[in-house]
Amino acid sequence: MTYQTTFNPFDMAQQQLDEAAEVLQLDPAVHQLLRQPLRELHVTLPVKMDDGSTRIFQGFRIQYNDARGPGKGGIRYHVAETVDTVRALAAWMTWKTALLDLPLGGAKGGIICDPKALSPGELERLSRAYIRQVGRILGLEKDVPAPDVYTTPQIMAWMADEFAFQQGYNAFGMITGKPLALGGSAGRGDATARGGLFCLREAGKALNLELPGATAAIQGYGNAGSFAHKLGKEMLGLKVVAVSDSRGGIYQPDGLDYEQVYAHKAGTGSVVNFPGAQNITNEALLELDVTVLIPAALENVIHEGNAADIKATFIIELANGPTSPAADRILHERGAYVIPDFLCNAGGVTVSYFEMVQNAYNYYWEESVVHERLDAKMTRAFWQVHQLATEKKVHNRLAAYLLAVSRVAEAVRLRGWA
């Protein structure tokens, strides 16, 4: 079935908020305040290219809500970036930090560019140009960025260095996801996937389902998706039978070896044409008959046009916004167990928060300590959502929204904003 629609992720984020606000009977002024970002900065970035020409790029930083603490959220480099995508992601970051009970707000940034077409020198100059424009609203007490789509620890290092020049001193806590040599945290690299798998482990307990040997399919093979493949086997004994990236997917019912698939992608640029596996489309991967489906790519891949064909028992949302509101209802009626994005992928921001804490008092934890504290945070949040969903007889995303929105609304009221 072909499904076509004009998709606006910020409209989706607002619909999700509206549904929670109705259930919570939220004060109308608080509701209206929470529907929009508190502030936005749009910037124009002139960058000298390797050939001597100057190109002009557009960028954004959206600070959605900081009632509970400084803004927190990644910076994306994407050729199809839009301000509404960044607004939606900043909103989801607001709910994510509240749901995990972190003393932070929500923010997001982005630059419209094709990072794959830029040289390392051009990427560095673009990254520094962004901080020259946006750095005035950043800082440990204001707003702390992090890596996101097509940004890396090296890019975070360039940004931290540019900010240090602006301030006249090192302030490594102004950004997270940095290399360890510049104040990064142990355990940050795989934190998003690890946090999601902690949630899946608890979901198995909640539904009394054994996970060792269970089949899994992963859409998206970037940081989160590839680590989900690796850790899914190591932590839970999952048998990953399908993975995909932007060029397509592969399927092998006997299971795919992480090391071999990762090496193939590193060598060819894609998982497609992996020896011994069948090539499949991203769309077909979503509809495979597996126990665990892990969307780890982009927004709106599960929608009302394909939700009825999703066969997985567990849907583990490592991507942001992969499931539309209409699809949520279809999946809930079918009995699928969805672990919503702003719970499932909150491991990244949680360890980013741990990095902020370590930067603030200049003492760094062992990786085992990071894993232990991440496990505690994710497990606690999972059971709060599961229990509320069971009590209210609603799907997990709505339950997560009820918890998160009520916490932000309380902070807004206590501060006298509405």
Protein backbone atom coordinates (compact mmCIF):
# COMPACT_ATOMS: atom_id res chain seq x y z
CA MET A 1 0.00 0.00 0.00
CA THR A 2 1.35 3.43 -0.96
CA TYR A 3 0.95 6.09 1.71
CA GLN A 4 1.42 9.74 0.83
CA THR A 5 0.97 12.71 3.08
CA THR A 6 2.39 16.11 3.80
CA PHE A 7 4.21 15.42 7.04
CA ASN A 8 5.09 18.17 9.50
CA PRO A 9 6.82 16.79 12.60
CA PHE A 10 5.98 19.84 14.69
CA ASP A 11 2.28 19.37 13.93
CA MET A 12 2.67 15.80 15.18
CA ALA A 13 4.45 16.95 18.35
CA GLN A 14 1.67 19.44 19.03
CA GLN A 15 -1.03 16.79 18.46
CA GLN A 16 0.67 14.53 20.97
CA LEU A 17 0.81 17.37 23.51
CA ASP A 18 -2.84 18.27 22.87
CA GLU A 19 -3.95 14.71 23.61
CA ALA A 20 -2.09 14.73 26.93
CA ALA A 21 -3.34 18.21 27.81
CA GLU A 22 -6.94 17.07 27.35
CA VAL A 23 -6.47 14.07 29.65
CA LEU A 24 -4.64 16.20 32.23
CA GLN A 25 -7.24 18.99 31.93
CA LEU A 26 -4.28 21.33 31.66
CA ASP A 27 -4.81 25.01 32.33
CA PRO A 28 -5.42 26.67 28.91
CA ALA A 29 -2.64 29.23 29.39
CA VAL A 30 -0.13 26.55 30.38
CA HIS A 31 -1.25 24.43 27.42
CA GLN A 32 -0.75 27.32 24.98
CA LEU A 33 2.64 28.13 26.46
CA LEU A 34 3.79 24.53 26.04
CA ARG A 35 2.67 24.36 22.41
CA GLN A 36 5.36 26.77 21.20
CA PRO A 37 9.11 27.29 21.70
CA LEU A 38 10.06 29.98 24.19
CA ARG A 39 12.75 31.32 21.85
CA GLU A 40 14.36 30.68 18.49
CA LEU A 41 17.59 31.89 16.89
CA HIS A 42 17.90 31.66 13.10
CA VAL A 43 21.40 32.28 11.77
CA THR A 44 23.12 32.79 8.42
CA LEU A 45 26.57 31.23 8.15
CA PRO A 46 29.09 32.30 5.50
CA VAL A 47 31.75 29.59 5.10
CA LYS A 48 34.93 29.69 3.00
CA MET A 49 35.11 26.52 0.91
CA ASP A 50 38.23 24.63 -0.10
CA ASP A 51 38.07 26.03 -3.65
CA GLY A 52 38.18 29.62 -2.34
CA SER A 53 34.48 30.34 -2.87
CA THR A 54 32.11 31.32 -0.05
CA ARG A 55 28.89 29.40 0.55
CA ILE A 56 26.01 30.59 2.71
CA PHE A 57 24.34 28.11 5.07
CA GLN A 58 21.24 28.50 7.25
CA GLY A 59 21.08 27.25 10.82
CA PHE A 60 18.83 27.26 13.89
CA ARG A 61 18.85 26.87 17.63
CA ILE A 62 15.45 26.33 19.22
CA GLN A 63 15.13 26.64 23.02
CA TYR A 64 11.72 25.08 23.56
CA ASN A 65 11.28 25.27 27.33
CA ASP A 66 13.71 25.77 30.20
CA ALA A 67 11.28 25.84 33.14
CA ARG A 68 13.02 22.81 34.73
CA GLY A 69 16.60 23.79 33.91
CA PRO A 70 19.05 24.66 31.12
CA GLY A 71 18.18 23.62 27.58
CA LYS A 72 19.57 20.31 26.30
CA GLY A 73 19.52 18.91 22.81
CA GLY A 74 21.59 17.89 19.82
CA ILE A 75 22.76 19.66 16.68
CA ARG A 76 21.87 18.05 13.34
CA TYR A 77 23.56 18.48 9.97
CA HIS A 78 21.11 17.42 7.26
CA VAL A 79 20.46 18.46 3.68
CA ALA A 80 16.68 18.35 4.27
CA GLU A 81 16.68 20.01 7.68
CA THR A 82 13.68 22.22 8.43
CA VAL A 83 12.90 24.57 11.27
CA ASP A 84 9.71 22.63 12.05
CA THR A 85 11.74 19.43 12.44
CA VAL A 86 14.04 21.22 14.87
CA ARG A 87 11.03 22.64 16.75
CA ALA A 88 9.52 19.17 17.09
CA LEU A 89 12.79 17.69 18.31
CA ALA A 90 13.21 20.51 20.83
CA ALA A 91 9.70 19.80 22.13
CA TRP A 92 10.44 16.06 22.42
CA MET A 93 13.66 16.90 24.27
CA THR A 94 11.61 18.94 26.76
CA TRP A 95 9.38 15.93 27.49
CA LYS A 96 12.34 13.52 27.44
CA THR A 97 14.34 15.33 30.12
CA ALA A 98 11.21 15.71 32.25
CA LEU A 99 10.28 12.05 31.86
CA LEU A 100 13.74 10.94 33.03
CA ASP A 101 13.48 13.51 35.84
CA LEU A 102 16.63 15.33 34.76
CA PRO A 103 16.98 18.99 35.88
CA LEU A 104 17.02 20.18 32.27
CA GLY A 105 14.80 21.69 29.62
CA GLY A 106 14.57 20.95 25.92
CA ALA A 107 16.38 22.47 22.94
CA LYS A 108 17.63 21.47 19.49
CA GLY A 109 19.79 22.86 16.73
CA GLY A 110 20.49 22.23 13.09
CA ILE A 111 22.22 23.39 9.94
CA ILE A 112 20.86 22.82 6.44
CA CYS A 113 23.81 21.16 4.71
CA ASP A 114 25.01 17.92 3.17
CA PRO A 115 27.87 16.90 5.48
CA LYS A 116 28.81 13.99 3.18
CA ALA A 117 29.68 16.55 0.47
CA LEU A 118 31.91 18.65 2.74
CA SER A 119 35.61 18.11 3.40
CA PRO A 120 36.88 17.89 7.01
CA GLY A 121 38.18 21.45 6.72
CA GLU A 122 34.82 22.72 5.43
CA LEU A 123 33.00 20.87 8.23
CA GLU A 124 35.28 22.48 10.80
CA ARG A 125 34.76 25.99 9.41
CA LEU A 126 30.98 25.44 9.28
CA SER A 127 30.92 24.16 12.87
CA ARG A 128 32.95 27.12 14.14
CA ALA A 129 30.75 29.55 12.19
CA TYR A 130 27.69 28.09 13.91
CA ILE A 131 29.16 28.65 17.38
CA ARG A 132 30.22 32.19 16.48
CA GLN A 133 26.56 32.97 15.86
CA VAL A 134 24.83 30.74 18.42
CA GLY A 135 27.42 30.67 21.21
CA ARG A 136 25.92 33.77 22.82
CA ILE A 137 22.89 31.73 23.97
CA LEU A 138 24.83 28.59 24.98
CA GLY A 139 26.58 27.57 28.20
CA LEU A 140 26.35 25.15 31.11
CA GLU A 141 23.77 27.40 32.80
CA LYS A 142 21.85 28.26 29.60
CA ASP A 143 21.72 25.57 26.91
CA VAL A 144 24.02 22.59 26.26
CA PRO A 145 24.14 21.02 22.77
CA ALA A 146 25.22 17.48 21.85
CA PRO A 147 25.77 15.32 18.74
CA ASP A 148 22.82 14.32 16.60
CA VAL A 149 22.29 13.30 12.97
CA TYR A 150 25.62 13.50 11.08
CA THR A 151 27.47 15.27 13.89
CA THR A 152 30.31 13.64 15.80
CA PRO A 153 32.57 13.97 18.86
CA GLN A 154 35.11 15.73 16.61
CA ILE A 155 32.51 18.34 15.63
CA MET A 156 31.67 18.80 19.31
CA ALA A 157 35.40 19.33 19.99
CA TRP A 158 35.64 22.07 17.34
CA MET A 159 32.55 23.75 18.79
CA ALA A 160 33.90 23.57 22.35
CA ASP A 161 37.18 25.10 21.16
CA GLU A 162 35.42 27.95 19.33
CA PHE A 163 33.31 28.66 22.42
CA ALA A 164 36.49 28.73 24.55
CA PHE A 165 37.92 31.43 22.26
CA GLN A 166 34.71 33.45 22.67
CA GLN A 167 34.76 33.20 26.46
CA GLY A 168 38.49 33.46 27.00
CA TYR A 169 38.61 30.25 29.03
CA ASN A 170 37.86 26.54 28.67
CA ALA A 171 34.22 25.72 29.33
CA PHE A 172 33.97 22.14 28.17
CA GLY A 173 30.63 21.69 29.94
CA MET A 174 28.95 23.87 27.31
CA ILE A 175 28.58 20.84 25.02
CA THR A 176 28.39 17.07 25.48
CA GLY A 177 29.29 14.04 23.41
CA LYS A 178 32.90 15.29 23.36
CA PRO A 179 36.01 13.12 23.02
CA LEU A 180 37.23 11.77 26.36
CA ALA A 181 40.36 13.93 26.12
CA LEU A 182 38.20 17.07 26.23
CA GLY A 183 35.88 16.13 29.08
CA GLY A 184 33.67 13.57 27.43
CA SER A 185 31.98 10.84 29.47
CA ALA A 186 32.76 7.16 29.34
CA GLY A 187 29.73 5.25 28.08
CA ARG A 188 28.36 8.08 25.91
CA GLY A 189 28.94 6.41 22.53
CA ASP A 190 26.44 3.56 22.93
CA ALA A 191 24.18 5.24 25.50
CA THR A 192 21.14 5.70 23.24
CA ALA A 193 21.04 2.05 22.20
CA ARG A 194 21.96 0.76 25.66
CA GLY A 195 19.17 2.78 27.28
CA GLY A 196 16.64 1.45 24.79
CA LEU A 197 17.72 -2.13 25.45
CA PHE A 198 17.38 -1.60 29.20
CA CYS A 199 13.77 -0.62 28.45
CA LEU A 200 13.27 -3.68 26.23
CA ARG A 201 14.64 -5.92 28.99
CA GLU A 202 12.07 -4.51 31.41
CA ALA A 203 9.28 -4.81 28.81
CA GLY A 204 10.10 -8.50 28.51
CA LYS A 205 9.59 -8.81 32.26
CA ALA A 206 6.34 -6.80 32.11
CA LEU A 207 4.89 -9.04 29.40
CA ASN A 208 6.54 -12.22 30.74
CA LEU A 209 8.22 -12.89 27.37
CA GLU A 210 11.65 -14.47 26.97
CA LEU A 211 14.00 -12.35 24.86
CA PRO A 212 17.05 -14.64 24.33
CA GLY A 213 16.73 -15.98 20.80
CA ALA A 214 13.94 -13.55 19.87
CA THR A 215 14.19 -12.16 16.32
CA ALA A 216 14.79 -8.46 15.71
CA ALA A 217 14.86 -6.07 12.76
CA ILE A 218 16.60 -2.68 12.87
CA GLN A 219 15.74 0.16 10.50
CA GLY A 220 18.67 2.58 10.46
CA TYR A 221 22.31 1.62 10.92
CA GLY A 222 23.89 4.78 12.27
CA ASN A 223 25.13 5.12 15.84
CA ALA A 224 21.94 3.97 17.56
CA GLY A 225 21.03 1.21 15.10
CA SER A 226 24.48 -0.34 14.84
CA PHE A 227 24.95 -0.33 18.61
CA ALA A 228 21.47 -1.85 18.98
CA HIS A 229 22.67 -4.74 16.78
CA LYS A 230 25.84 -5.21 18.83
CA LEU A 231 24.28 -4.80 22.29
CA GLY A 232 21.06 -6.60 21.41
CA LYS A 233 23.06 -9.81 21.09
CA GLU A 234 25.44 -9.13 23.98
CA MET A 235 22.88 -7.91 26.55
CA LEU A 236 19.67 -9.75 25.63
CA GLY A 237 20.60 -12.56 23.25
CA LEU A 238 18.53 -11.16 20.38
CA LYS A 239 18.87 -12.68 16.91
CA VAL A 240 19.03 -9.74 14.50
CA VAL A 241 17.71 -10.97 11.16
CA ALA A 242 17.43 -7.67 9.26
CA VAL A 243 19.07 -4.25 9.23
CA SER A 244 18.91 -1.29 6.85
CA ASP A 245 20.33 2.13 6.10
CA SER A 246 19.34 4.96 3.74
CA ARG A 247 20.22 2.86 0.66
CA GLY A 248 18.18 -0.22 1.60
CA GLY A 249 18.21 -3.27 3.82
CA ILE A 250 19.30 -6.89 4.15
CA TYR A 251 17.52 -9.97 5.53
CA GLN A 252 18.97 -13.27 6.73
CA PRO A 253 16.59 -15.47 8.77
CA ASP A 254 19.51 -17.32 10.38
CA GLY A 255 20.79 -14.06 11.86
CA LEU A 256 23.32 -11.37 10.93
CA ASP A 257 26.73 -11.14 12.60
CA TYR A 258 27.38 -7.61 13.88
CA GLU A 259 31.12 -7.52 13.23
CA GLN A 260 30.71 -8.73 9.65
CA VAL A 261 27.83 -6.37 8.81
CA TYR A 262 29.60 -3.40 10.39
CA ALA A 263 32.78 -4.15 8.44
CA HIS A 264 30.79 -4.49 5.20
CA LYS A 265 29.10 -1.11 5.74
CA ALA A 266 32.42 0.53 6.63
CA GLY A 267 33.96 -0.84 3.46
CA THR A 268 31.12 -0.19 1.00
CA GLY A 269 29.14 2.65 2.58
CA SER A 270 26.00 0.56 3.00
CA VAL A 271 24.70 -2.70 4.43
CA VAL A 272 23.17 -3.50 1.01
CA ASN A 273 24.64 -6.48 -0.87
CA PHE A 274 25.97 -8.11 2.28
CA PRO A 275 27.14 -11.62 1.29
CA GLY A 276 24.64 -14.36 2.07
CA ALA A 277 21.74 -12.00 2.79
CA GLN A 278 18.71 -11.00 0.73
CA ASN A 279 18.38 -7.30 -0.17
CA ILE A 280 15.06 -5.80 0.96
CA THR A 281 13.57 -2.32 1.11
CA ASN A 282 13.28 -0.21 4.24
CA GLU A 283 9.51 -0.48 3.95
CA ALA A 284 9.59 -4.27 3.77
CA LEU A 285 11.87 -4.46 6.81
CA LEU A 286 9.23 -2.75 8.95
CA GLU A 287 6.67 -5.43 8.10
CA LEU A 288 8.81 -8.49 8.81
CA ASP A 289 7.43 -11.13 11.16
CA VAL A 290 9.85 -10.50 14.04
CA THR A 291 9.47 -10.18 17.80
CA VAL A 292 11.33 -6.87 18.09
CA LEU A 293 11.24 -3.98 15.59
CA ILE A 294 13.71 -1.14 16.20
CA PRO A 295 13.09 1.98 14.10
CA ALA A 296 16.37 3.87 14.48
CA ALA A 297 16.29 6.19 11.46
CA LEU A 298 13.97 9.11 10.73
CA GLU A 299 10.49 10.41 11.56
CA ASN A 300 7.10 9.09 10.44
CA VAL A 301 8.19 5.70 9.09
CA ILE A 302 5.27 3.96 10.84
CA HIS A 303 2.01 5.64 9.84
CA GLU A 304 -1.64 4.84 9.23
CA GLY A 305 -0.74 3.43 5.81
CA ASN A 306 1.43 0.61 7.16
CA ALA A 307 0.72 0.30 10.89
CA ALA A 308 -1.78 -2.52 10.38
CA ASP A 309 0.95 -4.53 8.62
CA ILE A 310 3.48 -4.20 11.45
CA LYS A 311 3.79 -7.66 12.99
CA ALA A 312 6.36 -7.11 15.76
CA THR A 313 5.40 -7.61 19.40
CA PHE A 314 7.79 -4.92 20.64
CA ILE A 315 8.49 -1.64 18.83
CA ILE A 316 11.59 -0.03 20.29
CA GLU A 317 11.77 3.57 19.10
CA LEU A 318 15.41 4.62 18.99
CA ALA A 319 14.56 7.22 16.33
CA ASN A 320 12.75 10.45 17.14
CA GLY A 321 9.12 10.57 16.02
CA PRO A 322 9.05 7.33 13.99
CA THR A 323 5.35 6.63 14.70
CA SER A 324 2.47 8.93 13.80
CA PRO A 325 -0.45 9.54 16.22
CA ALA A 326 -2.82 7.58 13.96
CA ALA A 327 -0.39 4.65 13.87
CA ASP A 328 -0.10 4.74 17.66
CA ARG A 329 -3.81 4.02 17.96
CA ILE A 330 -3.67 1.20 15.40
CA LEU A 331 -0.71 -0.45 17.09
CA HIS A 332 -2.29 -0.12 20.54
CA GLU A 333 -5.53 -1.74 19.33
CA ARG A 334 -3.51 -4.60 17.81
CA GLY A 335 -1.70 -5.17 21.10
CA ALA A 336 1.80 -4.15 20.02
CA TYR A 337 3.97 -2.93 22.88
CA VAL A 338 5.54 0.38 21.85
CA ILE A 339 8.34 1.89 23.94
CA PRO A 340 7.99 5.52 22.83
CA ASP A 341 10.92 7.52 21.52
CA PHE A 342 11.31 10.05 24.30
CA LEU A 343 11.56 7.21 26.82
CA CYS A 344 13.33 4.62 24.68
CA ASN A 345 16.10 6.82 23.25
CA ALA A 346 16.62 8.89 26.41
CA GLY A 347 19.84 7.05 27.23
CA GLY A 348 21.76 9.55 25.12
CA VAL A 349 20.55 12.65 26.94
CA THR A 350 20.84 10.89 30.30
CA VAL A 351 24.53 10.16 29.80
CA SER A 352 24.94 13.67 28.36
CA TYR A 353 23.54 14.91 31.67
CA PHE A 354 26.05 12.69 33.48
CA GLU A 355 28.75 14.32 31.31
CA MET A 356 27.54 17.79 32.36
CA VAL A 357 27.71 16.75 36.02
CA GLN A 358 31.24 15.38 35.60
CA ASN A 359 32.33 18.54 33.77
CA ALA A 360 30.83 20.75 36.48
CA TYR A 361 32.83 19.22 39.32
CA ASN A 362 35.79 18.03 37.24
CA TYR A 363 35.69 14.43 38.39
CA TYR A 364 35.06 11.58 35.98
CA TRP A 365 33.33 8.22 36.48
CA GLU A 366 34.32 4.75 35.40
CA GLU A 367 32.28 3.32 32.51
CA SER A 368 30.74 0.71 34.82
CA VAL A 369 29.40 3.51 37.03
CA VAL A 370 27.86 5.27 34.01
CA HIS A 371 26.16 2.02 32.90
CA GLU A 372 24.85 1.36 36.41
CA ARG A 373 23.40 4.85 36.81
CA LEU A 374 21.92 4.80 33.30
CA ASP A 375 20.27 1.45 34.04
CA ALA A 376 18.72 2.85 37.22
CA LYS A 377 17.34 5.95 35.44
CA MET A 378 15.92 4.05 32.45
CA THR A 379 14.42 1.26 34.55
CA ARG A 380 12.69 3.68 36.90
CA ALA A 381 11.23 5.71 34.02
CA PHE A 382 10.09 2.58 32.17
CA TRP A 383 8.11 1.24 35.13
CA GLN A 384 6.55 4.64 35.84
CA VAL A 385 5.27 4.76 32.25
CA HIS A 386 4.18 1.12 32.19
CA GLN A 387 2.27 1.38 35.45
CA LEU A 388 0.51 4.60 34.45
CA ALA A 389 -0.43 3.17 31.04
CA THR A 390 -1.86 0.08 32.76
CA GLU A 391 -3.74 2.16 35.33
CA LYS A 392 -5.20 4.63 32.78
CA LYS A 393 -5.68 1.98 30.05
CA VAL A 394 -3.86 4.15 27.50
CA HIS A 395 -0.94 3.48 25.17
CA ASN A 396 2.58 3.98 26.45
CA ARG A 397 3.27 7.20 24.55
CA LEU A 398 0.27 8.93 26.09
CA ALA A 399 1.27 7.68 29.53
CA ALA A 400 4.79 9.05 29.01
CA TYR A 401 3.35 12.38 27.91
CA LEU A 402 1.09 12.54 30.96
CA LEU A 403 4.10 12.14 33.25
CA ALA A 404 6.40 14.51 31.36
CA VAL A 405 3.91 17.28 30.63
CA SER A 406 2.63 17.32 34.20
CA ARG A 407 6.21 17.82 35.46
CA VAL A 408 6.93 20.68 33.07
CA ALA A 409 3.54 22.25 33.76
CA GLU A 410 4.23 22.12 37.49
CA ALA A 411 7.52 23.97 36.99
CA VAL A 412 5.78 26.56 34.80
CA ARG A 413 3.12 27.18 37.45
CA LEU A 414 5.61 27.34 40.33
CA ARG A 415 7.65 29.93 38.45
CA GLY A 416 4.55 32.01 37.83
CA TRP A 417 4.76 31.89 34.05
CA ALA A 418 1.11 30.96 33.62
